[in-house]
Amino acid sequence: MKKGAFLVNTARGELVDEEPLAEALKSGYLAGASLDVTWNEPFVKGSDRALGNVPNLMVTPHNAFYSVESYREIVVLGANPVLRTIQGLPVRNCVNKK
């Protein structure tokens, strides 16, 4: 990453190697990082892990996805195939048409 960049990871903890990230934050190479996921959850600030006590790090408790809008989307995405089936419409991603 470029010097001064800001890292954001909301995908999978395993995508970020925590030790090099800690060094990049401590040295000031990276401006900061925000993680919603980490290798081992829950994340404990001040722990003896590499990221346990580094500057410019924000860690959320693996809940960045949860909001009123995302909850609504989950409900709609789950109900839509049922509604389409009841209406006799084709269903996307059908595994067994029989």
PDB file of N, CA and C in Angstrom:
ATOM      1  N   MET A   1       0.839  -1.186   0.000  1.00  0.00           N
ATOM      2  CA  MET A   1       0.000   0.000   0.000  1.00  0.00           C
ATOM      3  C   MET A   1       0.881   1.246   0.000  1.00  0.00           C
ATOM      4  N   LYS A   2       0.319   2.332  -0.498  1.00  0.00           N
ATOM      5  CA  LYS A   2       1.049   3.591  -0.518  1.00  0.00           C
ATOM      6  C   LYS A   2       1.224   4.139   0.896  1.00  0.00           C
ATOM      7  N   LYS A   3       2.330   4.823   1.109  1.00  0.00           N
ATOM      8  CA  LYS A   3       2.571   5.484   2.388  1.00  0.00           C
ATOM      9  C   LYS A   3       1.443   6.486   2.636  1.00  0.00           C
ATOM     10  N   GLY A   4       0.924   6.477   3.851  1.00  0.00           N
ATOM     11  CA  GLY A   4      -0.148   7.388   4.219  1.00  0.00           C
ATOM     12  C   GLY A   4      -1.541   6.858   3.929  1.00  0.00           C
ATOM     13  N   ALA A   5      -1.630   5.644   3.368  1.00  0.00           N
ATOM     14  CA  ALA A   5      -2.936   5.058   3.049  1.00  0.00           C
ATOM     15  C   ALA A   5      -3.661   4.647   4.328  1.00  0.00           C
ATOM     16  N   PHE A   6      -4.942   4.396   4.183  1.00  0.00           N
ATOM     17  CA  PHE A   6      -5.794   3.951   5.280  1.00  0.00           C
ATOM     18  C   PHE A   6      -6.396   2.610   4.879  1.00  0.00           C
ATOM     19  N   LEU A   7      -6.195   1.567   5.664  1.00  0.00           N
ATOM     20  CA  LEU A   7      -6.683   0.219   5.358  1.00  0.00           C
ATOM     21  C   LEU A   7      -8.035  -0.020   6.022  1.00  0.00           C
ATOM     22  N   VAL A   8      -8.991  -0.539   5.259  1.00  0.00           N
ATOM     23  CA  VAL A   8     -10.303  -0.913   5.791  1.00  0.00           C
ATOM     24  C   VAL A   8     -10.565  -2.356   5.397  1.00  0.00           C
ATOM     25  N   ASN A   9     -10.907  -3.202   6.376  1.00  0.00           N
ATOM     26  CA  ASN A   9     -11.240  -4.597   6.083  1.00  0.00           C
ATOM     27  C   ASN A   9     -12.538  -4.961   6.785  1.00  0.00           C
ATOM     28  N   THR A  10     -13.572  -5.250   5.978  1.00  0.00           N
ATOM     29  CA  THR A  10     -14.847  -5.739   6.505  1.00  0.00           C
ATOM     30  C   THR A  10     -15.165  -7.117   5.946  1.00  0.00           C
ATOM     31  N   ALA A  11     -14.207  -7.719   5.246  1.00  0.00           N
ATOM     32  CA  ALA A  11     -14.451  -8.989   4.552  1.00  0.00           C
ATOM     33  C   ALA A  11     -14.123 -10.195   5.431  1.00  0.00           C
ATOM     34  N   ARG A  12     -12.864 -10.539   5.558  1.00  0.00           N
ATOM     35  CA  ARG A  12     -12.398 -11.679   6.333  1.00  0.00           C
ATOM     36  C   ARG A  12     -11.127 -11.280   7.066  1.00  0.00           C
ATOM     37  N   GLY A  13     -11.008 -11.691   8.314  1.00  0.00           N
ATOM     38  CA  GLY A  13      -9.822 -11.369   9.095  1.00  0.00           C
ATOM     39  C   GLY A  13      -8.545 -11.914   8.492  1.00  0.00           C
ATOM     40  N   GLU A  14      -8.645 -13.075   7.862  1.00  0.00           N
ATOM     41  CA  GLU A  14      -7.475 -13.738   7.299  1.00  0.00           C
ATOM     42  C   GLU A  14      -6.873 -12.989   6.110  1.00  0.00           C
ATOM     43  N   LEU A  15      -7.554 -11.990   5.595  1.00  0.00           N
ATOM     44  CA  LEU A  15      -7.032 -11.223   4.467  1.00  0.00           C
ATOM     45  C   LEU A  15      -5.932 -10.253   4.872  1.00  0.00           C
ATOM     46  N   VAL A  16      -5.838  -9.967   6.153  1.00  0.00           N
ATOM     47  CA  VAL A  16      -4.851  -8.995   6.633  1.00  0.00           C
ATOM     48  C   VAL A  16      -3.880  -9.692   7.575  1.00  0.00           C
ATOM     49  N   ASP A  17      -2.599  -9.603   7.250  1.00  0.00           N
ATOM     50  CA  ASP A  17      -1.565 -10.145   8.130  1.00  0.00           C
ATOM     51  C   ASP A  17      -1.349  -9.135   9.243  1.00  0.00           C
ATOM     52  N   GLU A  18      -1.705  -9.489  10.459  1.00  0.00           N
ATOM     53  CA  GLU A  18      -1.746  -8.529  11.558  1.00  0.00           C
ATOM     54  C   GLU A  18      -0.380  -7.995  11.976  1.00  0.00           C
ATOM     55  N   GLU A  19       0.655  -8.810  11.935  1.00  0.00           N
ATOM     56  CA  GLU A  19       1.979  -8.337  12.370  1.00  0.00           C
ATOM     57  C   GLU A  19       2.520  -7.240  11.458  1.00  0.00           C
ATOM     58  N   PRO A  20       2.539  -7.425  10.130  1.00  0.00           N
ATOM     59  CA  PRO A  20       2.984  -6.326   9.273  1.00  0.00           C
ATOM     60  C   PRO A  20       2.092  -5.087   9.376  1.00  0.00           C
ATOM     61  N   LEU A  21       0.776  -5.295   9.582  1.00  0.00           N
ATOM     62  CA  LEU A  21      -0.116  -4.150   9.751  1.00  0.00           C
ATOM     63  C   LEU A  21       0.253  -3.385  11.009  1.00  0.00           C
ATOM     64  N   ALA A  22       0.533  -4.093  12.086  1.00  0.00           N
ATOM     65  CA  ALA A  22       0.924  -3.434  13.338  1.00  0.00           C
ATOM     66  C   ALA A  22       2.191  -2.615  13.137  1.00  0.00           C
ATOM     67  N   GLU A  23       3.163  -3.190  12.446  1.00  0.00           N
ATOM     68  CA  GLU A  23       4.416  -2.467  12.194  1.00  0.00           C
ATOM     69  C   GLU A  23       4.173  -1.226  11.330  1.00  0.00           C
ATOM     70  N   ALA A  24       3.330  -1.366  10.308  1.00  0.00           N
ATOM     71  CA  ALA A  24       3.043  -0.237   9.423  1.00  0.00           C
ATOM     72  C   ALA A  24       2.340   0.892  10.175  1.00  0.00           C
ATOM     73  N   LEU A  25       1.489   0.547  11.133  1.00  0.00           N
ATOM     74  CA  LEU A  25       0.800   1.563  11.933  1.00  0.00           C
ATOM     75  C   LEU A  25       1.751   2.201  12.946  1.00  0.00           C
ATOM     76  N   LYS A  26       2.561   1.371  13.596  1.00  0.00           N
ATOM     77  CA  LYS A  26       3.502   1.891  14.596  1.00  0.00           C
ATOM     78  C   LYS A  26       4.537   2.817  13.969  1.00  0.00           C
ATOM     79  N   SER A  27       4.997   2.461  12.775  1.00  0.00           N
ATOM     80  CA  SER A  27       6.029   3.262  12.115  1.00  0.00           C
ATOM     81  C   SER A  27       5.468   4.520  11.460  1.00  0.00           C
ATOM     82  N   GLY A  28       4.147   4.575  11.314  1.00  0.00           N
ATOM     83  CA  GLY A  28       3.525   5.710  10.652  1.00  0.00           C
ATOM     84  C   GLY A  28       3.445   5.559   9.142  1.00  0.00           C
ATOM     85  N   TYR A  29       3.875   4.388   8.629  1.00  0.00           N
ATOM     86  CA  TYR A  29       3.795   4.164   7.180  1.00  0.00           C
ATOM     87  C   TYR A  29       2.343   4.257   6.721  1.00  0.00           C
ATOM     88  N   LEU A  30       1.440   3.610   7.467  1.00  0.00           N
ATOM     89  CA  LEU A  30       0.007   3.736   7.170  1.00  0.00           C
ATOM     90  C   LEU A  30      -0.595   4.801   8.081  1.00  0.00           C
ATOM     91  N   ALA A  31      -1.522   5.570   7.536  1.00  0.00           N
ATOM     92  CA  ALA A  31      -2.183   6.613   8.316  1.00  0.00           C
ATOM     93  C   ALA A  31      -3.109   6.014   9.366  1.00  0.00           C
ATOM     94  N   GLY A  32      -3.691   4.863   9.058  1.00  0.00           N
ATOM     95  CA  GLY A  32      -4.596   4.231   9.999  1.00  0.00           C
ATOM     96  C   GLY A  32      -5.217   2.994   9.400  1.00  0.00           C
ATOM     97  N   ALA A  33      -5.990   2.296  10.229  1.00  0.00           N
ATOM     98  CA  ALA A  33      -6.684   1.097   9.775  1.00  0.00           C
ATOM     99  C   ALA A  33      -7.984   0.957  10.545  1.00  0.00           C
ATOM    100  N   SER A  34      -8.967   0.388   9.872  1.00  0.00           N
ATOM    101  CA  SER A  34     -10.249   0.085  10.485  1.00  0.00           C
ATOM    102  C   SER A  34     -10.603  -1.348  10.123  1.00  0.00           C
ATOM    103  N   LEU A  35     -10.824  -2.168  11.138  1.00  0.00           N
ATOM    104  CA  LEU A  35     -11.101  -3.589  10.925  1.00  0.00           C
ATOM    105  C   LEU A  35     -12.424  -3.957  11.571  1.00  0.00           C
ATOM    106  N   ASP A  36     -13.276  -4.612  10.813  1.00  0.00           N
ATOM    107  CA  ASP A  36     -14.510  -5.159  11.378  1.00  0.00           C
ATOM    108  C   ASP A  36     -14.334  -6.643  11.669  1.00  0.00           C
ATOM    109  N   VAL A  37     -13.252  -7.209  11.162  1.00  0.00           N
ATOM    110  CA  VAL A  37     -12.948  -8.622  11.350  1.00  0.00           C
ATOM    111  C   VAL A  37     -11.458  -8.756  11.653  1.00  0.00           C
ATOM    112  N   THR A  38     -11.106  -9.737  12.483  1.00  0.00           N
ATOM    113  CA  THR A  38      -9.707  -9.999  12.811  1.00  0.00           C
ATOM    114  C   THR A  38      -9.471 -11.503  12.789  1.00  0.00           C
ATOM    115  N   TRP A  39      -8.207 -11.891  12.835  1.00  0.00           N
ATOM    116  CA  TRP A  39      -7.874 -13.320  12.796  1.00  0.00           C
ATOM    117  C   TRP A  39      -8.570 -14.081  13.915  1.00  0.00           C
ATOM    118  N   ASN A  40      -8.427 -13.606  15.109  1.00  0.00           N
ATOM    119  CA  ASN A  40      -9.050 -14.258  16.260  1.00  0.00           C
ATOM    120  C   ASN A  40     -10.012 -13.271  16.900  1.00  0.00           C
ATOM    121  N   GLU A  41     -11.266 -13.641  16.921  1.00  0.00           N
ATOM    122  CA  GLU A  41     -12.268 -12.768  17.519  1.00  0.00           C
ATOM    123  C   GLU A  41     -12.726 -13.363  18.836  1.00  0.00           C
ATOM    124  N   PRO A  42     -13.075 -12.585  19.808  1.00  0.00           N
ATOM    125  CA  PRO A  42     -13.171 -11.130  19.727  1.00  0.00           C
ATOM    126  C   PRO A  42     -11.804 -10.469  19.869  1.00  0.00           C
ATOM    127  N   PHE A  43     -11.685  -9.287  19.300  1.00  0.00           N
ATOM    128  CA  PHE A  43     -10.466  -8.494  19.429  1.00  0.00           C
ATOM    129  C   PHE A  43     -10.442  -7.872  20.821  1.00  0.00           C
ATOM    130  N   VAL A  44      -9.293  -7.941  21.486  1.00  0.00           N
ATOM    131  CA  VAL A  44      -9.165  -7.358  22.819  1.00  0.00           C
ATOM    132  C   VAL A  44      -8.065  -6.305  22.790  1.00  0.00           C
ATOM    133  N   LYS A  45      -8.464  -5.049  22.936  1.00  0.00           N
ATOM    134  CA  LYS A  45      -7.485  -3.960  22.963  1.00  0.00           C
ATOM    135  C   LYS A  45      -6.564  -4.145  24.161  1.00  0.00           C
ATOM    136  N   GLY A  46      -5.288  -3.914  23.928  1.00  0.00           N
ATOM    137  CA  GLY A  46      -4.309  -4.053  25.000  1.00  0.00           C
ATOM    138  C   GLY A  46      -3.800  -5.466  25.186  1.00  0.00           C
ATOM    139  N   SER A  47      -4.294  -6.408  24.388  1.00  0.00           N
ATOM    140  CA  SER A  47      -3.828  -7.794  24.499  1.00  0.00           C
ATOM    141  C   SER A  47      -2.408  -7.901  23.964  1.00  0.00           C
ATOM    142  N   ASP A  48      -1.817  -9.072  24.115  1.00  0.00           N
ATOM    143  CA  ASP A  48      -0.447  -9.270  23.636  1.00  0.00           C
ATOM    144  C   ASP A  48      -0.387  -9.613  22.151  1.00  0.00           C
ATOM    145  N   ARG A  49      -1.509  -9.539  21.462  1.00  0.00           N
ATOM    146  CA  ARG A  49      -1.509  -9.741  20.016  1.00  0.00           C
ATOM    147  C   ARG A  49      -0.810  -8.581  19.329  1.00  0.00           C
ATOM    148  N   ALA A  50      -0.399  -8.799  18.098  1.00  0.00           N
ATOM    149  CA  ALA A  50       0.335  -7.780  17.345  1.00  0.00           C
ATOM    150  C   ALA A  50      -0.426  -6.457  17.295  1.00  0.00           C
ATOM    151  N   LEU A  51      -1.739  -6.512  17.124  1.00  0.00           N
ATOM    152  CA  LEU A  51      -2.541  -5.296  17.016  1.00  0.00           C
ATOM    153  C   LEU A  51      -3.136  -4.855  18.353  1.00  0.00           C
ATOM    154  N   GLY A  52      -2.749  -5.509  19.427  1.00  0.00           N
ATOM    155  CA  GLY A  52      -3.357  -5.253  20.721  1.00  0.00           C
ATOM    156  C   GLY A  52      -3.245  -3.826  21.222  1.00  0.00           C
ATOM    157  N   ASN A  53      -2.170  -3.135  20.838  1.00  0.00           N
ATOM    158  CA  ASN A  53      -1.989  -1.784  21.341  1.00  0.00           C
ATOM    159  C   ASN A  53      -1.200  -0.954  20.328  1.00  0.00           C
ATOM    160  N   VAL A  54      -1.827  -0.674  19.203  1.00  0.00           N
ATOM    161  CA  VAL A  54      -1.165   0.130  18.165  1.00  0.00           C
ATOM    162  C   VAL A  54      -1.963   1.416  17.937  1.00  0.00           C
ATOM    163  N   PRO A  55      -1.283   2.450  17.460  1.00  0.00           N
ATOM    164  CA  PRO A  55      -1.979   3.708  17.204  1.00  0.00           C
ATOM    165  C   PRO A  55      -2.798   3.653  15.913  1.00  0.00           C
ATOM    166  N   ASN A  56      -3.743   4.546  15.797  1.00  0.00           N
ATOM    167  CA  ASN A  56      -4.512   4.738  14.560  1.00  0.00           C
ATOM    168  C   ASN A  56      -5.232   3.479  14.085  1.00  0.00           C
ATOM    169  N   LEU A  57      -5.747   2.707  15.030  1.00  0.00           N
ATOM    170  CA  LEU A  57      -6.487   1.492  14.687  1.00  0.00           C
ATOM    171  C   LEU A  57      -7.866   1.559  15.322  1.00  0.00           C
ATOM    172  N   MET A  58      -8.885   1.309  14.498  1.00  0.00           N
ATOM    173  CA  MET A  58     -10.249   1.207  14.994  1.00  0.00           C
ATOM    174  C   MET A  58     -10.746  -0.196  14.671  1.00  0.00           C
ATOM    175  N   VAL A  59     -11.247  -0.894  15.677  1.00  0.00           N
ATOM    176  CA  VAL A  59     -11.779  -2.242  15.483  1.00  0.00           C
ATOM    177  C   VAL A  59     -13.221  -2.257  15.962  1.00  0.00           C
ATOM    178  N   THR A  60     -14.125  -2.656  15.077  1.00  0.00           N
ATOM    179  CA  THR A  60     -15.526  -2.790  15.454  1.00  0.00           C
ATOM    180  C   THR A  60     -15.803  -4.259  15.752  1.00  0.00           C
ATOM    181  N   PRO A  61     -16.816  -4.563  16.532  1.00  0.00           N
ATOM    182  CA  PRO A  61     -17.060  -5.943  16.964  1.00  0.00           C
ATOM    183  C   PRO A  61     -17.780  -6.799  15.922  1.00  0.00           C
ATOM    184  N   HIS A  62     -17.223  -6.855  14.726  1.00  0.00           N
ATOM    185  CA  HIS A  62     -17.750  -7.684  13.641  1.00  0.00           C
ATOM    186  C   HIS A  62     -19.242  -7.417  13.418  1.00  0.00           C
ATOM    187  N   ASN A  63     -19.583  -6.142  13.362  1.00  0.00           N
ATOM    188  CA  ASN A  63     -20.988  -5.799  13.169  1.00  0.00           C
ATOM    189  C   ASN A  63     -21.193  -4.651  12.194  1.00  0.00           C
ATOM    190  N   ALA A  64     -20.201  -4.358  11.377  1.00  0.00           N
ATOM    191  CA  ALA A  64     -20.320  -3.223  10.457  1.00  0.00           C
ATOM    192  C   ALA A  64     -21.478  -3.413   9.472  1.00  0.00           C
ATOM    193  N   PHE A  65     -21.874  -4.650   9.227  1.00  0.00           N
ATOM    194  CA  PHE A  65     -22.950  -4.910   8.270  1.00  0.00           C
ATOM    195  C   PHE A  65     -24.318  -4.539   8.834  1.00  0.00           C
ATOM    196  N   TYR A  66     -24.491  -4.615  10.140  1.00  0.00           N
ATOM    197  CA  TYR A  66     -25.819  -4.480  10.719  1.00  0.00           C
ATOM    198  C   TYR A  66     -26.297  -3.036  10.756  1.00  0.00           C
ATOM    199  N   SER A  67     -27.423  -2.817  10.104  1.00  0.00           N
ATOM    200  CA  SER A  67     -28.084  -1.518  10.094  1.00  0.00           C
ATOM    201  C   SER A  67     -29.538  -1.777   9.718  1.00  0.00           C
ATOM    202  N   VAL A  68     -30.363  -0.774   9.821  1.00  0.00           N
ATOM    203  CA  VAL A  68     -31.769  -0.906   9.432  1.00  0.00           C
ATOM    204  C   VAL A  68     -31.853  -1.307   7.957  1.00  0.00           C
ATOM    205  N   GLU A  69     -31.015  -0.678   7.127  1.00  0.00           N
ATOM    206  CA  GLU A  69     -31.049  -0.953   5.686  1.00  0.00           C
ATOM    207  C   GLU A  69     -30.604  -2.380   5.372  1.00  0.00           C
ATOM    208  N   SER A  70     -29.547  -2.842   6.029  1.00  0.00           N
ATOM    209  CA  SER A  70     -29.062  -4.191   5.734  1.00  0.00           C
ATOM    210  C   SER A  70     -30.033  -5.252   6.254  1.00  0.00           C
ATOM    211  N   TYR A  71     -30.672  -4.994   7.391  1.00  0.00           N
ATOM    212  CA  TYR A  71     -31.667  -5.932   7.901  1.00  0.00           C
ATOM    213  C   TYR A  71     -32.837  -6.043   6.927  1.00  0.00           C
ATOM    214  N   ARG A  72     -33.268  -4.914   6.413  1.00  0.00           N
ATOM    215  CA  ARG A  72     -34.361  -4.892   5.440  1.00  0.00           C
ATOM    216  C   ARG A  72     -33.959  -5.699   4.200  1.00  0.00           C
ATOM    217  N   GLU A  73     -32.727  -5.518   3.751  1.00  0.00           N
ATOM    218  CA  GLU A  73     -32.246  -6.241   2.566  1.00  0.00           C
ATOM    219  C   GLU A  73     -32.239  -7.752   2.807  1.00  0.00           C
ATOM    220  N   ILE A  74     -31.832  -8.183   3.986  1.00  0.00           N
ATOM    221  CA  ILE A  74     -31.822  -9.615   4.308  1.00  0.00           C
ATOM    222  C   ILE A  74     -33.234 -10.185   4.232  1.00  0.00           C
ATOM    223  N   VAL A  75     -34.197  -9.467   4.798  1.00  0.00           N
ATOM    224  CA  VAL A  75     -35.594  -9.918   4.798  1.00  0.00           C
ATOM    225  C   VAL A  75     -36.119 -10.017   3.365  1.00  0.00           C
ATOM    226  N   VAL A  76     -35.875  -8.992   2.564  1.00  0.00           N
ATOM    227  CA  VAL A  76     -36.361  -8.974   1.180  1.00  0.00           C
ATOM    228  C   VAL A  76     -35.695 -10.093   0.371  1.00  0.00           C
ATOM    229  N   LEU A  77     -34.387 -10.249   0.510  1.00  0.00           N
ATOM    230  CA  LEU A  77     -33.685 -11.292  -0.247  1.00  0.00           C
ATOM    231  C   LEU A  77     -34.146 -12.688   0.150  1.00  0.00           C
ATOM    232  N   GLY A  78     -34.512 -12.868   1.407  1.00  0.00           N
ATOM    233  CA  GLY A  78     -35.003 -14.169   1.851  1.00  0.00           C
ATOM    234  C   GLY A  78     -36.438 -14.442   1.433  1.00  0.00           C
ATOM    235  N   ALA A  79     -37.264 -13.421   1.423  1.00  0.00           N
ATOM    236  CA  ALA A  79     -38.681 -13.595   1.107  1.00  0.00           C
ATOM    237  C   ALA A  79     -38.959 -13.613  -0.397  1.00  0.00           C
ATOM    238  N   ASN A  80     -38.135 -12.961  -1.176  1.00  0.00           N
ATOM    239  CA  ASN A  80     -38.379 -12.840  -2.615  1.00  0.00           C
ATOM    240  C   ASN A  80     -38.494 -14.202  -3.326  1.00  0.00           C
ATOM    241  N   PRO A  81     -37.622 -15.166  -3.093  1.00  0.00           N
ATOM    242  CA  PRO A  81     -37.778 -16.464  -3.774  1.00  0.00           C
ATOM    243  C   PRO A  81     -39.079 -17.177  -3.394  1.00  0.00           C
ATOM    244  N   VAL A  82     -39.499 -17.039  -2.154  1.00  0.00           N
ATOM    245  CA  VAL A  82     -40.758 -17.658  -1.719  1.00  0.00           C
ATOM    246  C   VAL A  82     -41.924 -17.005  -2.454  1.00  0.00           C
ATOM    247  N   LEU A  83     -41.937 -15.688  -2.506  1.00  0.00           N
ATOM    248  CA  LEU A  83     -42.994 -14.961  -3.196  1.00  0.00           C
ATOM    249  C   LEU A  83     -43.037 -15.330  -4.677  1.00  0.00           C
ATOM    250  N   ARG A  84     -41.861 -15.397  -5.322  1.00  0.00           N
ATOM    251  CA  ARG A  84     -41.809 -15.747  -6.746  1.00  0.00           C
ATOM    252  C   ARG A  84     -42.331 -17.175  -6.979  1.00  0.00           C
ATOM    253  N   THR A  85     -42.021 -18.077  -6.056  1.00  0.00           N
ATOM    254  CA  THR A  85     -42.504 -19.456  -6.178  1.00  0.00           C
ATOM    255  C   THR A  85     -44.023 -19.502  -6.072  1.00  0.00           C
ATOM    256  N   ILE A  86     -44.576 -18.805  -5.109  1.00  0.00           N
ATOM    257  CA  ILE A  86     -46.032 -18.762  -4.915  1.00  0.00           C
ATOM    258  C   ILE A  86     -46.722 -18.172  -6.141  1.00  0.00           C
ATOM    259  N   GLN A  87     -46.087 -17.183  -6.776  1.00  0.00           N
ATOM    260  CA  GLN A  87     -46.658 -16.537  -7.952  1.00  0.00           C
ATOM    261  C   GLN A  87     -46.416 -17.336  -9.235  1.00  0.00           C
ATOM    262  N   GLY A  88     -45.687 -18.448  -9.137  1.00  0.00           N
ATOM    263  CA  GLY A  88     -45.405 -19.256 -10.312  1.00  0.00           C
ATOM    264  C   GLY A  88     -44.346 -18.666 -11.225  1.00  0.00           C
ATOM    265  N   LEU A  89     -43.563 -17.749 -10.729  1.00  0.00           N
ATOM    266  CA  LEU A  89     -42.499 -17.117 -11.518  1.00  0.00           C
ATOM    267  C   LEU A  89     -41.198 -17.906 -11.376  1.00  0.00           C
ATOM    268  N   PRO A  90     -40.314 -17.778 -12.347  1.00  0.00           N
ATOM    269  CA  PRO A  90     -39.013 -18.453 -12.235  1.00  0.00           C
ATOM    270  C   PRO A  90     -38.250 -17.954 -10.998  1.00  0.00           C
ATOM    271  N   VAL A  91     -37.564 -18.883 -10.359  1.00  0.00           N
ATOM    272  CA  VAL A  91     -36.790 -18.554  -9.179  1.00  0.00           C
ATOM    273  C   VAL A  91     -35.312 -18.589  -9.549  1.00  0.00           C
ATOM    274  N   ARG A  92     -34.603 -17.532  -9.197  1.00  0.00           N
ATOM    275  CA  ARG A  92     -33.157 -17.495  -9.461  1.00  0.00           C
ATOM    276  C   ARG A  92     -32.443 -18.518  -8.589  1.00  0.00           C
ATOM    277  N   ASN A  93     -31.373 -19.075  -9.101  1.00  0.00           N
ATOM    278  CA  ASN A  93     -30.512 -19.981  -8.344  1.00  0.00           C
ATOM    279  C   ASN A  93     -31.236 -21.240  -7.860  1.00  0.00           C
ATOM    280  N   CYS A  94     -32.177 -21.718  -8.632  1.00  0.00           N
ATOM    281  CA  CYS A  94     -32.901 -22.920  -8.274  1.00  0.00           C
ATOM    282  C   CYS A  94     -31.965 -24.125  -8.362  1.00  0.00           C
ATOM    283  N   VAL A  95     -31.909 -24.922  -7.303  1.00  0.00           N
ATOM    284  CA  VAL A  95     -30.998 -26.057  -7.266  1.00  0.00           C
ATOM    285  C   VAL A  95     -31.663 -27.299  -7.859  1.00  0.00           C
ATOM    286  N   ASN A  96     -32.942 -27.518  -7.577  1.00  0.00           N
ATOM    287  CA  ASN A  96     -33.619 -28.713  -8.027  1.00  0.00           C
ATOM    288  C   ASN A  96     -35.013 -28.350  -8.518  1.00  0.00           C
ATOM    289  N   LYS A  97     -35.163 -28.192  -9.851  1.00  0.00           N
ATOM    290  CA  LYS A  97     -36.445 -27.759 -10.412  1.00  0.00           C
ATOM    291  C   LYS A  97     -37.548 -28.784 -10.226  1.00  0.00           C
ATOM    292  N   LYS A  98     -37.222 -30.054 -10.086  1.00  0.00           N
ATOM    293  CA  LYS A  98     -38.251 -31.079  -9.909  1.00  0.00           C
ATOM    294  C   LYS A  98     -38.846 -30.963  -8.545  1.00  0.00           C
TER     295      LYS A  98
END
